[in-house]
Protein backbone atom coordinates (compact mmCIF):
# COMPACT_ATOMS: atom_id res chain seq x y z
CA UNK A 1 -52.94 16.27 -21.42
CA UNK A 2 -50.74 17.68 -25.38
CA UNK A 3 -47.96 16.37 -25.38
CA UNK A 4 -46.35 19.62 -26.69
CA UNK A 5 -46.35 21.13 -23.49
CA UNK A 6 -47.67 20.86 -20.72
CA UNK A 7 -48.05 23.79 -19.16
CA UNK A 8 -50.35 27.15 -18.95
CA UNK A 9 -49.18 30.30 -17.38
CA UNK A 10 -48.12 31.19 -14.24
CA UNK A 11 -47.02 34.46 -12.33
CA UNK A 12 -43.56 34.70 -10.79
CA UNK A 13 -40.11 35.27 -11.99
CA UNK A 14 -39.16 33.66 -15.40
CA UNK A 15 -37.49 30.62 -15.15
CA UNK A 16 -38.96 29.91 -11.27
CA UNK A 17 -42.11 28.60 -9.91
CA UNK A 18 -41.04 24.34 -11.03
CA UNK A 19 -44.29 22.23 -10.91
CA UNK A 20 -41.49 19.22 -11.03
CA UNK A 21 -41.26 16.11 -8.12
CA UNK A 22 -37.56 15.76 -9.23
CA UNK A 23 -37.62 12.75 -7.52
CA UNK A 24 -34.77 12.45 -5.14
CA UNK A 25 -36.00 9.26 -3.99
CA UNK A 26 -36.64 7.33 -6.90
CA UNK A 27 -32.49 8.29 -8.79
CA UNK A 28 -30.82 6.06 -6.02
CA UNK A 29 -31.91 3.12 -7.66
CA UNK A 30 -31.14 2.74 -11.80
CA UNK A 31 -33.90 -0.11 -11.98
CA UNK A 32 -36.56 2.03 -11.14
CA UNK A 33 -35.80 5.01 -13.81
CA UNK A 34 -34.96 2.65 -16.40
CA UNK A 35 -38.32 1.49 -15.61
CA UNK A 36 -39.32 5.37 -15.68
CA UNK A 37 -37.70 5.56 -19.39
CA UNK A 38 -39.91 2.61 -20.24
CA UNK A 39 -43.17 4.86 -19.67
CA UNK A 40 -45.04 5.62 -22.57
CA UNK A 41 -46.16 8.23 -21.50
CA UNK A 42 -43.11 9.30 -20.64
CA UNK A 43 -41.86 12.20 -22.99
CA UNK A 44 -38.66 13.81 -23.87
CA UNK A 45 -37.30 17.58 -24.40
CA UNK A 46 -34.19 18.35 -26.65
CA UNK A 47 -32.11 20.94 -26.61
CA UNK A 48 -30.12 22.43 -29.66
CA UNK A 49 -26.66 23.96 -28.66
CA UNK A 50 -29.24 24.30 -25.09
CA UNK A 51 -31.79 25.85 -26.84
CA UNK A 52 -35.62 24.13 -26.17
CA UNK A 53 -37.63 23.21 -29.03
CA UNK A 54 -41.08 25.26 -29.28
CA UNK A 55 -44.30 26.36 -29.98
CA UNK A 56 -47.00 28.56 -29.97
CA UNK A 57 -48.05 26.27 -27.38
CA UNK A 58 -44.82 25.97 -24.95
CA UNK A 59 -41.85 23.88 -24.56
CA UNK A 60 -42.09 20.76 -27.41
CA UNK A 61 -42.44 16.55 -25.77
CA UNK A 62 -41.37 13.83 -27.85
CA UNK A 63 -41.61 9.89 -26.67
CA UNK A 64 -38.55 8.73 -26.29
CA UNK A 65 -37.34 6.08 -28.91
CA UNK A 66 -34.91 3.53 -29.14
CA UNK A 67 -31.50 5.70 -29.45
CA UNK A 68 -33.15 8.18 -26.64
CA UNK A 69 -33.99 5.36 -24.37
CA UNK A 70 -30.61 3.71 -24.68
CA UNK A 71 -28.57 7.69 -25.29
CA UNK A 72 -26.19 8.19 -21.66
CA UNK A 73 -26.38 11.35 -22.22
CA UNK A 74 -30.38 11.54 -21.23
CA UNK A 75 -31.05 13.19 -17.96
CA UNK A 76 -34.31 12.89 -16.30
CA UNK A 77 -35.81 15.60 -15.13
CA UNK A 78 -38.13 14.02 -12.05
CA UNK A 79 -42.36 13.51 -12.73
CA UNK A 80 -45.38 15.81 -13.58
CA UNK A 81 -48.78 14.60 -11.91
CA UNK A 82 -46.64 11.60 -12.97
CA UNK A 83 -45.00 11.80 -15.60
CA UNK A 84 -42.17 11.34 -15.73
CA UNK A 85 -39.57 14.26 -18.02
CA UNK A 86 -36.61 13.83 -19.78
CA UNK A 87 -34.45 15.93 -21.33
CA UNK A 88 -30.66 15.56 -23.97
CA UNK A 89 -29.26 17.71 -25.58
CA UNK A 90 -30.53 16.82 -29.57
CA UNK A 91 -29.76 17.81 -33.30
CA UNK A 92 -30.95 21.10 -35.26
CA UNK A 93 -34.30 22.04 -36.00
CA UNK A 94 -36.70 24.35 -37.95
CA UNK A 95 -38.06 24.77 -34.54
CA UNK A 96 -35.79 25.87 -32.38
CA UNK A 97 -35.23 29.31 -31.06
CA UNK A 98 -32.50 30.99 -29.04
CA UNK A 99 -32.89 30.92 -25.53
CA UNK A 100 -34.53 34.34 -24.00
CA UNK A 101 -36.54 34.74 -26.91
CA UNK A 102 -38.36 31.39 -26.17
CA UNK A 103 -38.34 32.02 -22.29
CA UNK A 104 -40.31 35.51 -23.18
CA UNK A 105 -42.94 33.21 -24.99
CA UNK A 106 -43.08 29.75 -23.86
CA UNK A 107 -45.75 30.15 -20.04
CA UNK A 108 -43.67 30.63 -17.16
CA UNK A 109 -43.32 27.57 -15.60
CA UNK A 110 -42.65 25.56 -18.90
CA UNK A 111 -39.47 27.72 -18.92
CA UNK A 112 -39.04 26.71 -15.62
CA UNK A 113 -38.67 23.23 -16.64
CA UNK A 114 -36.48 24.23 -19.22
CA UNK A 115 -34.20 26.00 -17.56
CA UNK A 116 -33.13 22.93 -15.02
CA UNK A 117 -32.64 20.75 -18.71
CA UNK A 118 -30.23 23.80 -19.98
CA UNK A 119 -28.22 24.33 -16.29
CA UNK A 120 -28.30 20.57 -15.61
CA UNK A 121 -27.26 19.82 -19.34
CA UNK A 122 -24.93 22.80 -19.20
CA UNK A 123 -22.49 20.87 -16.32
CA UNK A 124 -22.78 18.41 -17.61
CA UNK A 125 -21.21 18.77 -20.61
CA UNK A 126 -18.65 21.19 -18.80
CA UNK A 127 -17.49 18.39 -15.76
CA UNK A 128 -16.50 15.08 -17.38
CA UNK A 129 -13.64 14.35 -15.86
CA UNK A 130 -12.50 14.31 -12.22
CA UNK A 131 -10.62 17.38 -11.16
CA UNK A 132 -8.89 15.51 -8.22
CA UNK A 133 -7.73 12.16 -10.71
CA UNK A 134 -8.11 14.04 -13.99
CA UNK A 135 -10.28 10.69 -15.53
CA UNK A 136 -14.05 10.55 -17.09
CA UNK A 137 -16.98 11.02 -14.57
CA UNK A 138 -19.38 9.06 -15.82
CA UNK A 139 -23.41 10.40 -14.57
CA UNK A 140 -25.80 8.83 -11.95
CA UNK A 141 -28.85 9.24 -10.42
CA UNK A 142 -30.56 10.52 -13.23
CA UNK A 143 -28.57 13.01 -14.61
CA UNK A 144 -28.44 14.82 -10.51
CA UNK A 145 -24.53 13.68 -10.27
CA UNK A 146 -21.37 12.77 -11.87
CA UNK A 147 -19.43 9.78 -10.16
CA UNK A 148 -16.00 9.31 -10.79
CA UNK A 149 -15.08 4.84 -10.73
CA UNK A 150 -11.15 5.56 -10.53
CA UNK A 151 -12.00 7.64 -7.23
CA UNK A 152 -14.89 7.93 -6.41
CA UNK A 153 -15.81 10.75 -5.86
CA UNK A 154 -18.49 12.83 -6.44
CA UNK A 155 -19.76 15.70 -8.57
CA UNK A 156 -23.20 17.89 -8.30
CA UNK A 157 -24.41 20.66 -10.67
CA UNK A 158 -22.94 23.55 -9.71
CA UNK A 159 -24.90 26.89 -8.95
CA UNK A 160 -23.44 30.26 -8.89
CA UNK A 161 -24.41 32.94 -7.11
CA UNK A 162 -24.79 37.08 -7.94
CA UNK A 163 -25.36 40.23 -6.56
CA UNK A 164 -28.18 42.23 -8.39
CA UNK A 165 -29.18 45.11 -5.98
CA UNK A 166 -30.51 48.68 -5.93
CA UNK A 167 -28.35 51.43 -4.92
CA UNK A 168 -30.71 53.92 -3.81
CA UNK A 169 -30.75 57.26 -2.55
CA UNK A 170 -33.06 59.42 -0.72
CA UNK A 171 -35.14 59.21 -4.26
CA UNK A 172 -33.51 57.75 -6.77
CA UNK A 173 -32.22 54.35 -8.09
CA UNK A 174 -28.33 53.67 -8.79
CA UNK A 175 -28.38 51.97 -12.39
CA UNK A 176 -25.30 51.38 -14.87
CA UNK A 177 -24.82 50.44 -18.85
CA UNK A 178 -21.81 48.63 -20.21
CA UNK A 179 -20.53 50.05 -23.61
CA UNK A 180 -21.52 46.81 -24.92
CA UNK A 181 -26.02 47.22 -24.20
CA UNK A 182 -27.70 48.29 -26.83
CA UNK A 183 -27.59 51.98 -26.82
CA UNK A 184 -29.55 53.41 -24.10
CA UNK A 185 -30.14 50.24 -22.09
CA UNK A 186 -29.15 50.76 -18.56
CA UNK A 187 -29.95 48.23 -15.07
CA UNK A 188 -29.16 47.47 -11.94
CA UNK A 189 -25.60 47.02 -10.68
CA UNK A 190 -24.67 43.63 -10.57
CA UNK A 191 -21.32 40.44 -9.62
CA UNK A 192 -21.00 37.08 -8.15
CA UNK A 193 -20.69 36.91 -4.43
CA UNK A 194 -17.09 35.33 -3.75
CA UNK A 195 -15.98 32.59 -0.43
CA UNK A 196 -16.57 34.31 2.40
CA UNK A 197 -18.68 36.25 1.81
CA UNK A 198 -22.41 37.70 2.60
CA UNK A 199 -24.74 38.62 -0.11
CA UNK A 200 -24.93 42.03 1.66
CA UNK A 201 -21.05 42.14 1.89
CA UNK A 202 -20.46 40.96 -2.00
CA UNK A 203 -23.31 43.76 -2.42
CA UNK A 204 -21.33 46.03 -0.54
CA UNK A 205 -17.85 45.22 -2.28
CA UNK A 206 -19.40 45.41 -5.67
CA UNK A 207 -21.13 48.82 -5.57
CA UNK A 208 -18.11 50.06 -3.98
CA UNK A 209 -15.50 48.65 -6.86
CA UNK A 210 -17.89 49.16 -10.50
CA UNK A 211 -18.96 53.07 -8.76
CA UNK A 212 -17.13 54.31 -6.00
CA UNK A 213 -20.31 53.76 -3.77
CA UNK A 214 -21.07 53.39 0.32
CA UNK A 215 -24.13 51.21 1.39
CA UNK A 216 -25.32 50.46 5.01
CA UNK A 217 -24.54 46.89 5.11
CA UNK A 218 -26.77 46.45 7.62
CA UNK A 219 -29.68 47.88 6.05
CA UNK A 220 -29.13 45.98 3.14
CA UNK A 221 -32.49 44.03 2.20
CA UNK A 222 -33.53 40.88 0.51
CA UNK A 223 -35.94 41.67 -2.25
CA UNK A 224 -36.69 37.88 -4.66
CA UNK A 225 -34.05 35.84 -6.53
CA UNK A 226 -34.24 34.03 -9.99
CA UNK A 227 -32.63 31.48 -11.66
CA UNK A 228 -30.42 32.21 -14.40
CA UNK A 229 -29.79 29.12 -16.83
CA UNK A 230 -26.88 31.04 -18.34
CA UNK A 231 -25.22 28.72 -17.77
CA UNK A 232 -26.21 28.55 -13.68
CA UNK A 233 -26.59 31.26 -11.76
CA UNK A 234 -28.72 33.08 -9.23
CA UNK A 235 -29.90 36.37 -9.08
CA UNK A 236 -30.13 37.71 -5.99
CA UNK A 237 -31.66 40.95 -5.76
CA UNK A 238 -31.77 42.81 -3.06
CA UNK A 239 -32.41 46.76 -2.05
CA UNK A 240 -28.91 48.20 -0.57
CA UNK A 241 -29.22 52.13 0.97
CA UNK A 242 -26.52 54.06 0.19
CA UNK A 243 -24.36 56.70 2.51
CA UNK A 244 -24.11 59.11 0.05
CA UNK A 245 -24.92 60.13 -4.00
CA UNK A 246 -21.09 60.52 -4.95
CA UNK A 247 -19.66 58.46 -7.74
CA UNK A 248 -17.04 57.02 -9.21
CA UNK A 249 -17.90 54.70 -11.75
CA UNK A 250 -14.71 51.74 -12.40
CA UNK A 251 -15.21 53.30 -16.78
CA UNK A 252 -13.83 49.03 -17.54
CA UNK A 253 -16.45 47.96 -15.20
CA UNK A 254 -18.95 49.43 -16.31
CA UNK A 255 -19.67 52.16 -19.49
CA UNK A 256 -21.67 55.42 -16.68
CA UNK A 257 -23.48 54.31 -13.77
CA UNK A 258 -26.21 57.29 -12.54
CA UNK A 259 -28.92 58.00 -10.08
CA UNK A 260 -32.74 58.16 -11.98
CA UNK A 261 -35.73 59.57 -10.48
CA UNK A 262 -38.88 58.16 -9.23
CA UNK A 263 -40.17 60.07 -12.22
CA UNK A 264 -37.50 58.62 -14.81
CA UNK A 265 -37.94 54.90 -13.48
CA UNK A 266 -41.57 54.97 -14.74
CA UNK A 267 -41.17 57.25 -17.85
CA UNK A 268 -38.48 54.23 -18.87
CA UNK A 269 -40.89 51.40 -17.82
CA UNK A 270 -43.60 53.18 -19.86
CA UNK A 271 -40.91 52.68 -22.75
CA UNK A 272 -41.33 57.19 -22.49
CA UNK A 273 -37.99 58.33 -21.32
CA UNK A 274 -36.60 60.13 -24.34
CA UNK A 275 -33.36 58.54 -24.27
CA UNK A 276 -33.23 55.26 -21.59
CA UNK A 277 -34.92 51.48 -21.30
CA UNK A 278 -34.36 49.30 -18.85
CA UNK A 279 -33.44 45.22 -20.12
CA UNK A 280 -36.75 42.87 -21.10
CA UNK A 281 -39.43 42.10 -18.56
CA UNK A 282 -37.07 38.42 -18.21
CA UNK A 283 -34.73 39.90 -16.06
CA UNK A 284 -34.98 40.18 -12.55
CA UNK A 285 -33.40 43.90 -13.04
CA UNK A 286 -36.59 44.37 -14.49
CA UNK A 287 -38.48 44.02 -11.65
CA UNK A 288 -36.81 45.41 -8.87
CA UNK A 289 -36.86 48.33 -10.29
CA UNK A 290 -40.88 47.45 -11.04
CA UNK A 291 -41.09 46.99 -7.67
CA UNK A 292 -38.83 50.10 -6.45
CA UNK A 293 -41.22 52.77 -8.97
CA UNK A 294 -44.06 50.97 -7.07
CA UNK A 295 -43.31 51.85 -3.90
CA UNK A 296 -43.20 48.37 -2.87
CA UNK A 297 -39.76 47.54 -1.55
């Protein structure tokens, strides 16, 4: 096995499909965890401000030197066929490239491993103090949690659910755009799920708030989901039938929203639409549109 790219290409959503055994039982034993880092086959991934080291083969993995073995910020990702893998915030090198660009060029399973590393390291950076008593917290279980030494409160990495949805009416779907996006780019509408809210309810609320659109909650369908490590979300793709095509767009949330026909969408996917385009292949929004255009949802 190559030290640099551990995996070949795999299908599925970008950032999904990790092949790692996250080793829940092993993580409970600090002695066993320390022994994993001492194995000669152990490898570590360095992230600089969240961006990975990559080359033409994928992620670049390094043997653990003395500093990496002793670094308290090192997290244990798990094992790949018995090989221990770790991640650590690292120094800048010419091989680091922006995360979204990296995800579009490395194998899918490499991207899934990277997504885990980025999400967990980012969570540790943002949660270094106890929300209950204010004391500094310590990493535990190889990075799977933090523990407050003062009040013994435990904290676990969080994932924020986001609904991303295609509203459909007859043979058209609703797409919107924000003013900050590149000219001509349109995408599915999205929003965070709020407390005490189902996915279907969040979908209906967001469409109502952003586009003034009413949908049939009971007929709303789950399609697929995607881990999104910016910083740590789960994008939940839904298809929602609108009860009317009438729109009232909230221009503080969106620059515009409009209905696109199936012919429009196919032209956008082919890059042939005269004034509209879709997000890149990394995004679940594009996959939702692809499935709808192909009449698979």
